[in-house]
Amino acid sequence: MPGPTTVNPTTFAWSYGTVAPLTGAFGSTGNAIADVTGAFSQTILNNNFRALEDKINALIVLLQSNGTLT
């Protein structure tokens, strides 16, 4: 990861620049990552990617509201 581009003089938080939310995952939202099992299920796989996307986006929002990311 490249070094920070700026430092917030009030919070001393590092800023690594703009981060856009992830998009494109299909499936229903949720908190669980399910075992894909031996019998492949596209639905389970889609739901897992959607859950991960939702969590990453929540982290992005948190870091942006904290001033760490813009």
Protein backbone atom coordinates (compact mmCIF):
# COMPACT_ATOMS: atom_id res chain seq x y z
CA MET A 1 0.00 0.00 0.00
CA PRO A 2 1.38 3.42 -0.85
CA GLY A 3 2.02 5.89 1.93
CA PRO A 4 -0.68 8.26 3.14
CA THR A 5 -1.35 11.31 1.02
CA THR A 6 -2.40 13.65 3.84
CA VAL A 7 -2.78 13.83 7.60
CA ASN A 8 -5.81 15.47 9.21
CA PRO A 9 -4.35 18.12 11.56
CA THR A 10 -7.30 17.81 13.97
CA THR A 11 -7.61 14.05 14.31
CA PHE A 12 -4.11 13.11 13.09
CA ALA A 13 -5.78 10.45 10.94
CA TRP A 14 -3.94 9.35 7.81
CA SER A 15 -5.77 9.78 4.53
CA TYR A 16 -5.07 7.36 1.72
CA GLY A 17 -7.32 9.08 -0.76
CA THR A 18 -10.78 8.40 -2.09
CA VAL A 19 -12.27 4.93 -1.75
CA ALA A 20 -15.47 4.08 -3.60
CA PRO A 21 -17.96 1.54 -2.27
CA LEU A 22 -17.94 -1.90 -3.85
CA THR A 23 -20.81 -2.75 -6.17
CA GLY A 24 -21.92 -5.67 -8.27
CA ALA A 25 -22.41 -8.52 -5.84
CA PHE A 26 -25.62 -10.47 -6.16
CA GLY A 27 -27.43 -12.35 -3.45
CA SER A 28 -29.30 -11.40 -0.34
CA THR A 29 -27.70 -9.33 2.36
CA GLY A 30 -26.83 -10.88 5.68
CA ASN A 31 -24.15 -11.34 8.28
CA ALA A 32 -23.27 -14.98 7.70
CA ILE A 33 -20.71 -16.54 5.42
CA ALA A 34 -22.06 -19.99 4.66
CA ASP A 35 -20.13 -23.13 3.88
CA VAL A 36 -20.35 -23.67 0.12
CA THR A 37 -20.30 -27.44 0.75
CA GLY A 38 -19.33 -30.18 -1.67
CA ALA A 39 -22.47 -29.71 -3.75
CA PHE A 40 -21.94 -26.34 -5.43
CA SER A 41 -24.62 -23.73 -4.87
CA GLN A 42 -24.54 -20.48 -6.85
CA THR A 43 -27.00 -18.98 -4.36
CA ILE A 44 -24.74 -19.66 -1.38
CA LEU A 45 -21.74 -18.30 -3.27
CA ASN A 46 -23.64 -15.14 -4.30
CA ASN A 47 -24.86 -14.60 -0.74
CA ASN A 48 -21.31 -14.97 0.59
CA PHE A 49 -19.97 -12.36 -1.82
CA ARG A 50 -22.86 -10.04 -0.98
CA ALA A 51 -22.21 -10.39 2.77
CA LEU A 52 -18.52 -9.60 2.25
CA GLU A 53 -19.33 -6.62 0.02
CA ASP A 54 -21.75 -5.24 2.61
CA LYS A 55 -19.15 -5.57 5.40
CA ILE A 56 -16.39 -3.93 3.33
CA ASN A 57 -18.72 -1.07 2.42
CA ALA A 58 -19.63 -0.63 6.11
CA LEU A 59 -15.93 -0.38 6.94
CA ILE A 60 -15.42 2.18 4.17
CA VAL A 61 -18.28 4.29 5.56
CA LEU A 62 -16.88 4.02 9.09
CA LEU A 63 -13.38 5.05 8.00
CA GLN A 64 -14.78 7.90 5.90
CA SER A 65 -16.88 9.22 8.77
CA ASN A 66 -13.79 8.99 10.97
CA GLY A 67 -11.79 11.08 8.50
CA THR A 68 -9.34 8.27 7.74
CA LEU A 69 -10.60 7.81 4.18
CA THR A 70 -12.21 10.29 1.85
